[in-house]
Amino acid sequence: IKKEYDFIYICLNDNDKCTPGWQSYNRNWELAQKCLNIMCGKFKLKGAIIGRENCKITNLCSGIVKIHPFLKYHEFQKELQKAKFLFVPNIYDASPRVVAECITKDLAVLMNENIVCGYKYINYDTGEFFTDEENIKPALTKLLERLGKISPKRWWEKNYSQEKSYRKLRNFLHTA
């Protein structure tokens, strides 16, 4: 699938008015908005946001960030593959499944270092960490320099392939 976006970010609607709720809290919409200013303004990155269709984002993203409504599973999977990396400003989202989905599709991940869980998947071969709108700039610069040189999917297969998972489960069951 042809790459159309530099990044993709998932933060579903909480309501029709874009007032804060569980989705925005869980996926750190407040920090995401600050980072979007930098990603679109300073870096001129093209992106896609899944969800947040009734929320205003910075004018700096106008024309370069596409906002999608909630997508059915197969449509969502296709949309993921159109991006170069996943943007994860989340803190309280405990190990978002989308991180593993993206890595297996060879997308790098730009992740908030303060996330509750899921950080074990991020390393030099899979992505980069940031903590706030201040240090996203150097983290994004490092990540963009490595895109095309790293293969998150290859790292995943080396560390979490089905065969490795089968063996780990088998060993666990034999020792339990």
N, C-alpha and C. Protein backbone atom coordinates (compact mmCIF):
# COMPACT_ATOMS: atom_id res chain seq x y z
N ILE A 1 0.86 -1.18 0.00
CA ILE A 1 0.00 0.00 0.00
C ILE A 1 0.89 1.23 0.00
N LYS A 2 0.59 2.16 -0.87
CA LYS A 2 1.37 3.38 -1.00
C LYS A 2 1.27 4.22 0.27
N LYS A 3 2.40 4.76 0.69
CA LYS A 3 2.44 5.62 1.88
C LYS A 3 1.87 7.00 1.51
N GLU A 4 0.81 7.39 2.22
CA GLU A 4 0.18 8.69 2.00
C GLU A 4 0.44 9.65 3.15
N TYR A 5 0.77 9.09 4.31
CA TYR A 5 0.94 9.90 5.52
C TYR A 5 2.32 9.66 6.12
N ASP A 6 2.81 10.67 6.79
CA ASP A 6 4.00 10.47 7.59
C ASP A 6 3.61 9.78 8.90
N PHE A 7 2.51 10.23 9.50
CA PHE A 7 2.10 9.67 10.78
C PHE A 7 0.61 9.39 10.82
N ILE A 8 0.24 8.56 11.78
CA ILE A 8 -1.17 8.29 12.05
C ILE A 8 -1.34 8.32 13.57
N TYR A 9 -2.46 8.87 14.01
CA TYR A 9 -2.76 8.98 15.44
C TYR A 9 -4.20 8.54 15.64
N ILE A 10 -4.43 7.74 16.66
CA ILE A 10 -5.77 7.24 16.95
C ILE A 10 -6.26 7.83 18.26
N CYS A 11 -7.39 8.53 18.18
CA CYS A 11 -8.05 9.08 19.37
C CYS A 11 -9.53 9.25 19.01
N LEU A 12 -10.33 8.32 19.41
CA LEU A 12 -11.73 8.31 19.01
C LEU A 12 -12.52 9.41 19.70
N ASN A 13 -13.69 9.69 19.16
CA ASN A 13 -14.58 10.70 19.73
C ASN A 13 -15.08 10.27 21.11
N ASP A 14 -15.25 11.26 21.96
CA ASP A 14 -15.91 11.05 23.24
C ASP A 14 -17.39 11.40 23.13
N ASN A 15 -17.68 12.38 22.29
CA ASN A 15 -19.03 12.89 22.11
C ASN A 15 -19.05 13.76 20.86
N ASP A 16 -20.20 14.35 20.54
CA ASP A 16 -20.33 15.17 19.33
C ASP A 16 -19.75 16.57 19.47
N LYS A 17 -19.41 16.98 20.69
CA LYS A 17 -18.96 18.35 20.91
C LYS A 17 -17.45 18.44 21.19
N CYS A 18 -16.77 17.34 21.22
CA CYS A 18 -15.34 17.30 21.51
C CYS A 18 -15.01 17.81 22.90
N THR A 19 -15.89 17.59 23.83
CA THR A 19 -15.55 17.91 25.22
C THR A 19 -14.78 16.71 25.78
N PRO A 20 -13.89 16.96 26.74
CA PRO A 20 -13.04 15.88 27.26
C PRO A 20 -13.84 14.72 27.82
N GLY A 21 -13.31 13.55 27.60
CA GLY A 21 -13.90 12.31 28.10
C GLY A 21 -12.84 11.24 28.19
N TRP A 22 -13.25 10.00 28.32
CA TRP A 22 -12.34 8.89 28.50
C TRP A 22 -11.36 8.76 27.33
N GLN A 23 -11.84 8.84 26.10
CA GLN A 23 -10.97 8.69 24.93
C GLN A 23 -9.88 9.75 24.91
N SER A 24 -10.26 11.00 25.09
CA SER A 24 -9.26 12.08 25.04
C SER A 24 -8.27 11.98 26.20
N TYR A 25 -8.74 11.57 27.35
CA TYR A 25 -7.86 11.40 28.51
C TYR A 25 -6.90 10.23 28.28
N ASN A 26 -7.45 9.10 27.89
CA ASN A 26 -6.70 7.87 27.71
C ASN A 26 -5.64 8.01 26.62
N ARG A 27 -5.96 8.76 25.58
CA ARG A 27 -5.05 8.88 24.43
C ARG A 27 -4.33 10.23 24.39
N ASN A 28 -4.43 10.96 25.51
CA ASN A 28 -3.69 12.19 25.74
C ASN A 28 -3.87 13.23 24.62
N TRP A 29 -5.13 13.52 24.33
CA TRP A 29 -5.47 14.48 23.28
C TRP A 29 -4.85 15.85 23.56
N GLU A 30 -4.77 16.23 24.82
CA GLU A 30 -4.20 17.54 25.17
C GLU A 30 -2.74 17.66 24.70
N LEU A 31 -1.93 16.66 24.98
CA LEU A 31 -0.55 16.67 24.52
C LEU A 31 -0.48 16.51 23.00
N ALA A 32 -1.35 15.68 22.46
CA ALA A 32 -1.36 15.47 21.01
C ALA A 32 -1.54 16.79 20.27
N GLN A 33 -2.46 17.62 20.73
CA GLN A 33 -2.70 18.90 20.08
C GLN A 33 -1.44 19.77 20.08
N LYS A 34 -0.71 19.80 21.19
CA LYS A 34 0.53 20.58 21.27
C LYS A 34 1.57 20.02 20.31
N CYS A 35 1.65 18.70 20.23
CA CYS A 35 2.62 18.07 19.35
C CYS A 35 2.25 18.24 17.88
N LEU A 36 0.95 18.24 17.59
CA LEU A 36 0.51 18.46 16.20
C LEU A 36 0.97 19.81 15.68
N ASN A 37 0.98 20.81 16.55
CA ASN A 37 1.49 22.13 16.16
C ASN A 37 2.92 22.00 15.63
N ILE A 38 3.73 21.22 16.30
CA ILE A 38 5.13 21.04 15.92
C ILE A 38 5.25 20.13 14.70
N MET A 39 4.53 19.02 14.71
CA MET A 39 4.62 18.06 13.62
C MET A 39 4.18 18.67 12.29
N CYS A 40 3.11 19.45 12.34
CA CYS A 40 2.60 20.07 11.12
C CYS A 40 3.34 21.37 10.81
N GLY A 41 3.60 22.17 11.84
CA GLY A 41 4.22 23.48 11.64
C GLY A 41 5.69 23.40 11.31
N LYS A 42 6.48 22.90 12.23
CA LYS A 42 7.94 22.86 12.06
C LYS A 42 8.38 21.79 11.06
N PHE A 43 7.77 20.60 11.13
CA PHE A 43 8.21 19.48 10.31
C PHE A 43 7.40 19.29 9.03
N LYS A 44 6.25 19.96 8.92
CA LYS A 44 5.39 19.86 7.72
C LYS A 44 5.00 18.42 7.40
N LEU A 45 4.73 17.64 8.44
CA LEU A 45 4.38 16.24 8.25
C LEU A 45 2.92 16.08 7.87
N LYS A 46 2.67 15.17 6.97
CA LYS A 46 1.30 14.81 6.58
C LYS A 46 0.84 13.72 7.53
N GLY A 47 -0.44 13.76 7.88
CA GLY A 47 -0.91 12.77 8.82
C GLY A 47 -2.36 12.40 8.67
N ALA A 48 -2.74 11.44 9.48
CA ALA A 48 -4.14 11.00 9.57
C ALA A 48 -4.48 10.85 11.04
N ILE A 49 -5.66 11.30 11.39
CA ILE A 49 -6.18 11.13 12.74
C ILE A 49 -7.45 10.30 12.62
N ILE A 50 -7.48 9.21 13.35
CA ILE A 50 -8.66 8.35 13.36
C ILE A 50 -9.48 8.72 14.60
N GLY A 51 -10.70 9.16 14.36
CA GLY A 51 -11.58 9.55 15.46
C GLY A 51 -11.74 11.06 15.48
N ARG A 52 -11.59 11.72 16.55
CA ARG A 52 -11.63 13.16 16.80
C ARG A 52 -12.18 14.01 15.65
N GLU A 53 -13.20 13.54 14.97
CA GLU A 53 -13.71 14.26 13.80
C GLU A 53 -14.44 15.56 14.12
N ASN A 54 -14.87 15.77 15.32
CA ASN A 54 -15.56 17.02 15.66
C ASN A 54 -14.68 17.97 16.47
N CYS A 55 -13.40 17.71 16.48
CA CYS A 55 -12.47 18.52 17.26
C CYS A 55 -11.66 19.43 16.36
N LYS A 56 -11.43 20.61 16.84
CA LYS A 56 -10.63 21.56 16.09
C LYS A 56 -9.16 21.26 16.36
N ILE A 57 -8.39 21.20 15.29
CA ILE A 57 -6.95 21.06 15.45
C ILE A 57 -6.29 22.31 14.87
N THR A 58 -5.03 22.47 15.11
CA THR A 58 -4.32 23.65 14.66
C THR A 58 -4.45 23.90 13.16
N ASN A 59 -4.50 25.16 12.80
CA ASN A 59 -4.55 25.53 11.38
C ASN A 59 -3.29 25.09 10.65
N LEU A 60 -2.22 24.87 11.38
CA LEU A 60 -0.97 24.42 10.77
C LEU A 60 -1.13 23.06 10.11
N CYS A 61 -2.13 22.30 10.54
CA CYS A 61 -2.37 20.97 9.97
C CYS A 61 -3.40 21.00 8.84
N SER A 62 -3.96 22.15 8.60
CA SER A 62 -4.99 22.29 7.57
C SER A 62 -4.43 21.89 6.19
N GLY A 63 -5.11 20.95 5.58
CA GLY A 63 -4.72 20.49 4.25
C GLY A 63 -3.66 19.40 4.25
N ILE A 64 -3.03 19.14 5.40
CA ILE A 64 -2.01 18.08 5.42
C ILE A 64 -2.33 16.96 6.40
N VAL A 65 -3.38 17.14 7.18
CA VAL A 65 -3.82 16.07 8.09
C VAL A 65 -5.27 15.73 7.77
N LYS A 66 -5.49 14.46 7.50
CA LYS A 66 -6.83 13.98 7.16
C LYS A 66 -7.45 13.39 8.42
N ILE A 67 -8.68 13.78 8.71
CA ILE A 67 -9.38 13.25 9.88
C ILE A 67 -10.44 12.25 9.42
N HIS A 68 -10.34 11.06 9.95
CA HIS A 68 -11.27 9.98 9.62
C HIS A 68 -12.21 9.74 10.80
N PRO A 69 -13.42 9.29 10.52
CA PRO A 69 -14.28 8.84 11.62
C PRO A 69 -13.80 7.47 12.09
N PHE A 70 -14.46 6.91 13.07
CA PHE A 70 -14.19 5.54 13.48
C PHE A 70 -14.27 4.65 12.25
N LEU A 71 -13.33 3.76 12.07
CA LEU A 71 -13.29 2.90 10.89
C LEU A 71 -13.53 1.45 11.27
N LYS A 72 -14.15 0.70 10.38
CA LYS A 72 -14.29 -0.74 10.58
C LYS A 72 -12.89 -1.35 10.54
N TYR A 73 -12.75 -2.51 11.16
CA TYR A 73 -11.45 -3.13 11.36
C TYR A 73 -10.59 -3.19 10.09
N HIS A 74 -11.11 -3.75 9.00
CA HIS A 74 -10.31 -3.93 7.79
C HIS A 74 -9.96 -2.59 7.15
N GLU A 75 -10.87 -1.62 7.22
CA GLU A 75 -10.56 -0.28 6.71
C GLU A 75 -9.45 0.35 7.56
N PHE A 76 -9.55 0.17 8.86
CA PHE A 76 -8.56 0.70 9.77
C PHE A 76 -7.18 0.10 9.49
N GLN A 77 -7.11 -1.21 9.28
CA GLN A 77 -5.84 -1.87 9.00
C GLN A 77 -5.21 -1.33 7.72
N LYS A 78 -6.02 -1.07 6.70
CA LYS A 78 -5.51 -0.49 5.45
C LYS A 78 -4.98 0.92 5.69
N GLU A 79 -5.70 1.68 6.50
CA GLU A 79 -5.29 3.06 6.78
C GLU A 79 -3.96 3.08 7.54
N LEU A 80 -3.76 2.16 8.47
CA LEU A 80 -2.49 2.07 9.19
C LEU A 80 -1.32 1.91 8.23
N GLN A 81 -1.51 1.08 7.23
CA GLN A 81 -0.43 0.78 6.29
C GLN A 81 -0.06 1.96 5.40
N LYS A 82 -0.89 2.98 5.38
CA LYS A 82 -0.61 4.18 4.57
C LYS A 82 0.33 5.15 5.28
N ALA A 83 0.65 4.86 6.54
CA ALA A 83 1.50 5.76 7.33
C ALA A 83 2.92 5.20 7.46
N LYS A 84 3.85 6.11 7.78
CA LYS A 84 5.24 5.71 8.02
C LYS A 84 5.48 5.41 9.49
N PHE A 85 4.75 6.13 10.37
CA PHE A 85 4.90 5.85 11.79
C PHE A 85 3.62 6.17 12.55
N LEU A 86 3.49 5.52 13.69
CA LEU A 86 2.36 5.70 14.59
C LEU A 86 2.77 6.70 15.67
N PHE A 87 1.92 7.68 15.91
CA PHE A 87 2.13 8.68 16.95
C PHE A 87 1.32 8.27 18.17
N VAL A 88 2.00 8.06 19.33
CA VAL A 88 1.34 7.58 20.54
C VAL A 88 1.70 8.51 21.72
N PRO A 89 0.92 9.59 21.92
CA PRO A 89 1.17 10.46 23.06
C PRO A 89 0.56 9.93 24.35
N ASN A 90 -0.10 8.81 24.28
CA ASN A 90 -0.83 8.19 25.38
C ASN A 90 0.03 8.00 26.61
N ILE A 91 -0.61 8.12 27.77
CA ILE A 91 0.05 7.78 29.04
C ILE A 91 -0.74 6.67 29.72
N TYR A 92 -2.04 6.84 29.86
CA TYR A 92 -2.86 5.92 30.65
C TYR A 92 -3.43 4.75 29.86
N ASP A 93 -3.21 4.73 28.57
CA ASP A 93 -3.65 3.63 27.74
C ASP A 93 -2.67 2.48 27.95
N ALA A 94 -3.09 1.48 28.67
CA ALA A 94 -2.19 0.39 29.05
C ALA A 94 -1.88 -0.52 27.87
N SER A 95 -0.71 -0.35 27.30
CA SER A 95 -0.21 -1.17 26.19
C SER A 95 -1.19 -1.25 25.03
N PRO A 96 -1.34 -0.14 24.31
CA PRO A 96 -2.30 -0.12 23.19
C PRO A 96 -1.98 -1.19 22.14
N ARG A 97 -2.95 -1.97 21.80
CA ARG A 97 -2.81 -3.05 20.81
C ARG A 97 -2.31 -2.53 19.48
N VAL A 98 -2.66 -1.30 19.15
CA VAL A 98 -2.28 -0.72 17.86
C VAL A 98 -0.77 -0.61 17.71
N VAL A 99 -0.03 -0.54 18.80
CA VAL A 99 1.43 -0.47 18.72
C VAL A 99 1.97 -1.75 18.08
N ALA A 100 1.55 -2.90 18.59
CA ALA A 100 1.98 -4.18 18.01
C ALA A 100 1.49 -4.32 16.58
N GLU A 101 0.25 -3.91 16.31
CA GLU A 101 -0.28 -3.99 14.95
C GLU A 101 0.58 -3.20 13.98
N CYS A 102 1.00 -2.01 14.40
CA CYS A 102 1.81 -1.18 13.52
C CYS A 102 3.20 -1.75 13.32
N ILE A 103 3.82 -2.22 14.38
CA ILE A 103 5.16 -2.78 14.26
C ILE A 103 5.14 -3.98 13.30
N THR A 104 4.11 -4.82 13.38
CA THR A 104 4.04 -5.98 12.47
C THR A 104 3.76 -5.56 11.04
N LYS A 105 3.32 -4.32 10.84
CA LYS A 105 3.11 -3.79 9.49
C LYS A 105 4.29 -2.93 9.05
N ASP A 106 5.37 -2.97 9.81
CA ASP A 106 6.61 -2.26 9.53
C ASP A 106 6.51 -0.74 9.69
N LEU A 107 5.61 -0.30 10.56
CA LEU A 107 5.54 1.12 10.91
C LEU A 107 6.34 1.35 12.18
N ALA A 108 7.13 2.40 12.18
CA ALA A 108 7.84 2.80 13.39
C ALA A 108 6.83 3.43 14.35
N VAL A 109 7.25 3.66 15.59
CA VAL A 109 6.35 4.20 16.61
C VAL A 109 7.05 5.35 17.34
N LEU A 110 6.39 6.49 17.42
CA LEU A 110 6.83 7.62 18.23
C LEU A 110 5.95 7.61 19.46
N MET A 111 6.51 7.18 20.61
CA MET A 111 5.71 6.90 21.80
C MET A 111 6.10 7.77 22.98
N ASN A 112 5.08 8.14 23.75
CA ASN A 112 5.31 8.86 25.00
C ASN A 112 6.02 7.91 25.98
N GLU A 113 7.18 8.35 26.44
CA GLU A 113 7.97 7.53 27.35
C GLU A 113 7.25 7.24 28.67
N ASN A 114 6.28 8.06 29.01
CA ASN A 114 5.56 7.90 30.28
C ASN A 114 4.34 6.99 30.18
N ILE A 115 4.17 6.29 29.08
CA ILE A 115 3.02 5.39 28.93
C ILE A 115 3.09 4.31 30.01
N VAL A 116 1.92 3.93 30.51
CA VAL A 116 1.85 2.93 31.58
C VAL A 116 2.48 1.61 31.17
N CYS A 117 2.22 1.17 29.96
CA CYS A 117 2.74 -0.12 29.51
C CYS A 117 2.82 -0.12 27.99
N GLY A 118 3.64 -0.98 27.43
CA GLY A 118 3.80 -1.06 25.99
C GLY A 118 5.13 -0.51 25.53
N TYR A 119 5.86 0.10 26.45
CA TYR A 119 7.15 0.71 26.12
C TYR A 119 8.21 -0.33 25.77
N LYS A 120 7.99 -1.59 26.16
CA LYS A 120 9.00 -2.63 25.91
C LYS A 120 9.19 -2.89 24.42
N TYR A 121 8.24 -2.45 23.60
CA TYR A 121 8.35 -2.67 22.16
C TYR A 121 9.16 -1.59 21.45
N ILE A 122 9.49 -0.53 22.16
CA ILE A 122 10.16 0.60 21.50
C ILE A 122 11.65 0.58 21.80
N ASN A 123 12.42 0.57 20.73
CA ASN A 123 13.88 0.59 20.80
C ASN A 123 14.41 1.20 19.51
N TYR A 124 15.69 1.18 19.33
CA TYR A 124 16.31 1.80 18.15
C TYR A 124 15.71 1.27 16.84
N ASP A 125 15.36 -0.01 16.80
CA ASP A 125 14.85 -0.64 15.58
C ASP A 125 13.36 -0.44 15.34
N THR A 126 12.65 0.04 16.34
CA THR A 126 11.19 0.15 16.19
C THR A 126 10.64 1.57 16.32
N GLY A 127 11.40 2.48 16.93
CA GLY A 127 10.85 3.81 17.09
C GLY A 127 11.66 4.70 17.99
N GLU A 128 10.95 5.61 18.63
CA GLU A 128 11.60 6.62 19.47
C GLU A 128 10.63 7.06 20.55
N PHE A 129 11.19 7.48 21.68
CA PHE A 129 10.41 8.01 22.79
C PHE A 129 10.47 9.53 22.85
N PHE A 130 9.41 10.11 23.39
CA PHE A 130 9.38 11.53 23.73
C PHE A 130 8.54 11.66 24.99
N THR A 131 8.56 12.83 25.64
CA THR A 131 7.75 13.00 26.85
C THR A 131 6.79 14.18 26.77
N ASP A 132 7.12 15.19 26.00
CA ASP A 132 6.26 16.37 25.94
C ASP A 132 6.50 17.14 24.64
N GLU A 133 5.84 18.28 24.52
CA GLU A 133 5.95 19.07 23.30
C GLU A 133 7.34 19.69 23.13
N GLU A 134 8.13 19.71 24.18
CA GLU A 134 9.49 20.25 24.08
C GLU A 134 10.46 19.24 23.48
N ASN A 135 10.43 18.00 23.98
CA ASN A 135 11.42 17.06 23.48
C ASN A 135 10.91 16.19 22.33
N ILE A 136 9.74 16.50 21.80
CA ILE A 136 9.30 15.77 20.61
C ILE A 136 10.16 16.15 19.41
N LYS A 137 10.67 17.35 19.39
CA LYS A 137 11.49 17.80 18.25
C LYS A 137 12.72 16.92 18.05
N PRO A 138 13.58 16.76 19.07
CA PRO A 138 14.74 15.89 18.84
C PRO A 138 14.35 14.42 18.62
N ALA A 139 13.33 13.96 19.30
CA ALA A 139 12.89 12.57 19.11
C ALA A 139 12.38 12.35 17.69
N LEU A 140 11.61 13.28 17.20
CA LEU A 140 11.07 13.19 15.84
C LEU A 140 12.19 13.28 14.81
N THR A 141 13.14 14.15 15.05
CA THR A 141 14.28 14.27 14.14
C THR A 141 15.04 12.95 14.05
N LYS A 142 15.30 12.32 15.20
CA LYS A 142 16.00 11.03 15.22
C LYS A 142 15.20 9.96 14.48
N LEU A 143 13.90 9.93 14.73
CA LEU A 143 13.05 8.93 14.09
C LEU A 143 13.01 9.12 12.58
N LEU A 144 12.80 10.35 12.15
CA LEU A 144 12.72 10.62 10.70
C LEU A 144 14.02 10.26 9.98
N GLU A 145 15.15 10.44 10.64
CA GLU A 145 16.44 10.06 10.05
C GLU A 145 16.56 8.56 9.85
N ARG A 146 15.91 7.79 10.71
CA ARG A 146 16.00 6.32 10.65
C ARG A 146 14.94 5.67 9.77
N LEU A 147 13.86 6.38 9.46
CA LEU A 147 12.81 5.77 8.65
C LEU A 147 13.40 5.31 7.32
N GLY A 148 13.06 4.13 6.91
CA GLY A 148 13.61 3.56 5.69
C GLY A 148 14.89 2.77 5.93
N LYS A 149 15.52 2.98 7.09
CA LYS A 149 16.74 2.25 7.44
C LYS A 149 16.47 1.16 8.46
N ILE A 150 15.37 1.31 9.20
CA ILE A 150 15.02 0.33 10.23
C ILE A 150 13.83 -0.50 9.75
N SER A 151 13.66 -1.65 10.35
CA SER A 151 12.52 -2.50 10.02
C SER A 151 11.88 -3.01 11.31
N PRO A 152 10.88 -2.28 11.81
CA PRO A 152 10.18 -2.75 13.01
C PRO A 152 9.62 -4.16 12.85
N LYS A 153 9.16 -4.48 11.65
CA LYS A 153 8.59 -5.81 11.41
C LYS A 153 9.65 -6.89 11.58
N ARG A 154 10.84 -6.65 11.06
CA ARG A 154 11.94 -7.63 11.20
C ARG A 154 12.28 -7.82 12.69
N TRP A 155 12.33 -6.72 13.45
CA TRP A 155 12.60 -6.81 14.88
C TRP A 155 11.51 -7.64 15.57
N TRP A 156 10.25 -7.39 15.21
CA TRP A 156 9.13 -8.12 15.81
C TRP A 156 9.27 -9.62 15.53
N GLU A 157 9.54 -9.96 14.29
CA GLU A 157 9.65 -11.37 13.92
C GLU A 157 10.80 -12.04 14.66
N LYS A 158 11.88 -11.31 14.88
CA LYS A 158 13.03 -11.86 15.60
C LYS A 158 12.72 -12.08 17.08
N ASN A 159 11.88 -11.23 17.66
CA ASN A 159 11.64 -11.28 19.10
C ASN A 159 10.27 -11.81 19.53
N TYR A 160 9.27 -11.74 18.65
CA TYR A 160 7.91 -12.13 19.04
C TYR A 160 7.21 -12.97 17.97
N SER A 161 7.96 -13.71 17.19
CA SER A 161 7.34 -14.53 16.15
C SER A 161 6.40 -15.57 16.77
N GLN A 162 5.58 -16.17 15.95
CA GLN A 162 4.67 -17.20 16.45
C GLN A 162 5.45 -18.35 17.07
N GLU A 163 6.53 -18.74 16.41
CA GLU A 163 7.31 -19.86 16.92
C GLU A 163 7.90 -19.53 18.29
N LYS A 164 8.43 -18.34 18.47
CA LYS A 164 8.96 -17.94 19.77
C LYS A 164 7.86 -17.91 20.82
N SER A 165 6.69 -17.42 20.43
CA SER A 165 5.57 -17.36 21.36
C SER A 165 5.09 -18.75 21.75
N TYR A 166 5.06 -19.66 20.77
CA TYR A 166 4.67 -21.04 21.06
C TYR A 166 5.64 -21.66 22.07
N ARG A 167 6.93 -21.47 21.84
CA ARG A 167 7.94 -22.03 22.74
C ARG A 167 7.83 -21.44 24.15
N LYS A 168 7.62 -20.14 24.21
CA LYS A 168 7.49 -19.48 25.51
C LYS A 168 6.29 -20.04 26.27
N LEU A 169 5.17 -20.20 25.58
CA LEU A 169 3.97 -20.76 26.21
C LEU A 169 4.22 -22.20 26.64
N ARG A 170 4.82 -22.98 25.76
CA ARG A 170 5.12 -24.39 26.08
C ARG A 170 6.00 -24.48 27.32
N ASN A 171 7.06 -23.67 27.37
CA ASN A 171 7.97 -23.68 28.53
C ASN A 171 7.26 -23.25 29.80
N PHE A 172 6.40 -22.27 29.68
CA PHE A 172 5.62 -21.82 30.84
C PHE A 172 4.72 -22.94 31.34
N LEU A 173 4.03 -23.62 30.43
CA LEU A 173 3.12 -24.69 30.82
C LEU A 173 3.86 -25.87 31.45
N HIS A 174 5.06 -26.13 30.97
CA HIS A 174 5.85 -27.23 31.53
C HIS A 174 6.39 -26.91 32.92
N THR A 175 6.57 -25.65 33.24
CA THR A 175 7.10 -25.27 34.55
C THR A 175 5.99 -24.94 35.54
N ALA A 176 4.78 -24.76 35.06
CA ALA A 176 3.67 -24.35 35.96
C ALA A 176 3.12 -25.52 36.74
